[in-house]
Amino acid sequence: MCIEGSHQANYLHHGKVGPSEEHYRTCRV
């Protein structure tokens, strides 16, 4: 499950500014 707040937090944690395929994959799990 993915939370809107955790969405952007994940990007900053990974040092990425845009949506990543890996992030979406982990989010859709």
C-alpha atoms as a PDB file:
ATOM      1  CA  MET A   1       0.000   0.000   0.000  1.00  0.00           C
ATOM      2  CA  CYS A   2       1.172   3.522  -0.731  1.00  0.00           C
ATOM      3  CA  ILE A   3       0.248   6.719   1.096  1.00  0.00           C
ATOM      4  CA  GLU A   4       0.186  10.129  -0.614  1.00  0.00           C
ATOM      5  CA  GLY A   5       2.376  11.592   2.135  1.00  0.00           C
ATOM      6  CA  SER A   6       4.760   8.630   1.946  1.00  0.00           C
ATOM      7  CA  HIS A   7       4.822   8.970  -1.858  1.00  0.00           C
ATOM      8  CA  GLN A   8       6.846  12.196  -1.963  1.00  0.00           C
ATOM      9  CA  ALA A   9       8.805  11.185   1.139  1.00  0.00           C
ATOM     10  CA  ASN A  10       9.973   8.076  -0.732  1.00  0.00           C
ATOM     11  CA  TYR A  11      11.210  10.187  -3.662  1.00  0.00           C
ATOM     12  CA  LEU A  12      13.279  12.399  -1.359  1.00  0.00           C
ATOM     13  CA  HIS A  13      14.578   9.349   0.505  1.00  0.00           C
ATOM     14  CA  HIS A  14      15.812   7.844  -2.759  1.00  0.00           C
ATOM     15  CA  GLY A  15      17.089  11.219  -3.929  1.00  0.00           C
ATOM     16  CA  LYS A  16      14.743  11.281  -6.909  1.00  0.00           C
ATOM     17  CA  VAL A  17      12.470  14.123  -7.956  1.00  0.00           C
ATOM     18  CA  GLY A  18      10.140  12.290 -10.349  1.00  0.00           C
ATOM     19  CA  PRO A  19       8.128   9.065 -10.200  1.00  0.00           C
ATOM     20  CA  SER A  20      10.301   5.993 -10.656  1.00  0.00           C
ATOM     21  CA  GLU A  21       9.258   2.636 -12.090  1.00  0.00           C
ATOM     22  CA  GLU A  22      10.846   0.889  -9.125  1.00  0.00           C
ATOM     23  CA  HIS A  23       8.951   3.127  -6.710  1.00  0.00           C
ATOM     24  CA  TYR A  24       5.646   2.459  -8.449  1.00  0.00           C
ATOM     25  CA  ARG A  25       6.384  -1.283  -8.448  1.00  0.00           C
ATOM     26  CA  THR A  26       7.022  -1.272  -4.712  1.00  0.00           C
ATOM     27  CA  CYS A  27       3.967   0.924  -4.266  1.00  0.00           C
ATOM     28  CA  ARG A  28       1.667  -1.343  -6.276  1.00  0.00           C
ATOM     29  CA  VAL A  29       2.751  -4.366  -4.277  1.00  0.00           C
END
